[in-house]
Amino acid sequence: MTNEAAMAIIDECRSRLAEVGVEDVLIAVGAGNGTAFSFKGASKSLAYLSMAAWMEIMLNSMANNPIDTGFGFTLEGKE
């Protein structure tokens, strides 16, 4: 998929979200041939959305990391 094709899909999605009242939208996609970003809304809300997404992805990747148990570390609630 080219970046132009991805951006067309993103633009359609953003339009549909605006129709239902979503004002702050941040979308990022990646492929072997590049990345595409689209955002619209209040800058503070977009900054919060980007950082919240980053934290969720980082915490999820750490929870699923096989090294966590490889060195005797345990996740809270697990033995």
Protein backbone atom coordinates (compact mmCIF):
# COMPACT_ATOMS: atom_id res chain seq x y z
CA MET A 1 0.00 0.00 0.00
CA THR A 2 1.37 3.42 -0.89
CA ASN A 3 1.35 6.34 1.49
CA GLU A 4 -1.20 8.03 -0.77
CA ALA A 5 -3.56 5.07 -0.44
CA ALA A 6 -3.06 4.98 3.32
CA MET A 7 -3.72 8.71 3.59
CA ALA A 8 -6.95 8.35 1.60
CA ILE A 9 -8.19 5.72 4.06
CA ILE A 10 -7.10 7.85 7.02
CA ASP A 11 -8.84 10.95 5.63
CA GLU A 12 -12.07 8.99 5.15
CA CYS A 13 -11.84 7.64 8.71
CA ARG A 14 -11.23 11.13 10.10
CA SER A 15 -14.26 12.45 8.22
CA ARG A 16 -16.46 9.65 9.55
CA LEU A 17 -15.27 10.28 13.10
CA ALA A 18 -16.04 14.00 12.75
CA GLU A 19 -19.59 13.09 11.71
CA VAL A 20 -20.17 11.38 15.07
CA GLY A 21 -18.62 14.22 17.09
CA VAL A 22 -15.02 13.11 17.60
CA GLU A 23 -12.93 16.29 17.57
CA ASP A 24 -9.41 15.13 18.42
CA VAL A 25 -7.99 12.46 16.11
CA LEU A 26 -4.47 11.09 15.92
CA ILE A 27 -3.77 8.25 13.51
CA ALA A 28 -0.40 6.70 12.66
CA VAL A 29 0.20 3.81 10.28
CA GLY A 30 3.39 2.11 9.21
CA ALA A 31 4.39 -0.19 6.41
CA GLY A 32 7.59 -1.43 4.84
CA ASN A 33 7.64 1.54 2.49
CA GLY A 34 7.06 4.30 5.03
CA THR A 35 4.72 5.79 7.55
CA ALA A 36 1.68 8.04 7.41
CA PHE A 37 0.38 10.36 10.12
CA SER A 38 -2.81 12.33 10.36
CA PHE A 39 -3.98 14.50 13.19
CA LYS A 40 -6.57 17.18 13.79
CA GLY A 41 -7.75 18.79 16.99
CA ALA A 42 -6.53 20.65 20.02
CA SER A 43 -2.76 20.43 20.37
CA LYS A 44 -2.88 19.60 24.10
CA SER A 45 -5.39 16.81 23.51
CA LEU A 46 -3.30 15.43 20.66
CA ALA A 47 -0.17 15.51 22.83
CA TYR A 48 -2.03 13.61 25.56
CA LEU A 49 -3.33 11.05 23.04
CA SER A 50 0.14 10.45 21.63
CA MET A 51 1.75 10.04 25.05
CA ALA A 52 -1.06 7.80 26.32
CA ALA A 53 -0.69 5.59 23.24
CA TRP A 54 3.10 5.48 23.69
CA MET A 55 2.77 4.46 27.34
CA GLU A 56 0.19 1.77 26.54
CA ILE A 57 2.40 0.29 23.82
CA MET A 58 5.54 0.41 26.00
CA LEU A 59 3.84 -1.18 29.01
CA ASN A 60 2.27 -3.85 26.83
CA SER A 61 5.58 -4.68 25.16
CA MET A 62 7.31 -4.93 28.54
CA ALA A 63 4.60 -7.21 29.95
CA ASN A 64 5.01 -9.56 27.00
CA ASN A 65 8.81 -9.50 27.02
CA PRO A 66 10.31 -13.00 27.55
CA ILE A 67 13.39 -11.45 29.20
CA ASP A 68 11.21 -10.45 32.18
CA THR A 69 11.20 -14.03 33.43
CA GLY A 70 14.60 -14.99 32.03
CA PHE A 71 16.59 -13.27 34.77
CA GLY A 72 14.45 -14.20 37.76
CA PHE A 73 12.23 -11.12 37.56
CA THR A 74 8.51 -11.62 37.99
CA LEU A 75 5.60 -9.47 37.04
CA GLU A 76 3.38 -8.39 39.89
CA GLY A 77 0.78 -11.06 40.61
CA LYS A 78 2.72 -13.80 38.83
CA GLU A 79 5.21 -16.29 40.18
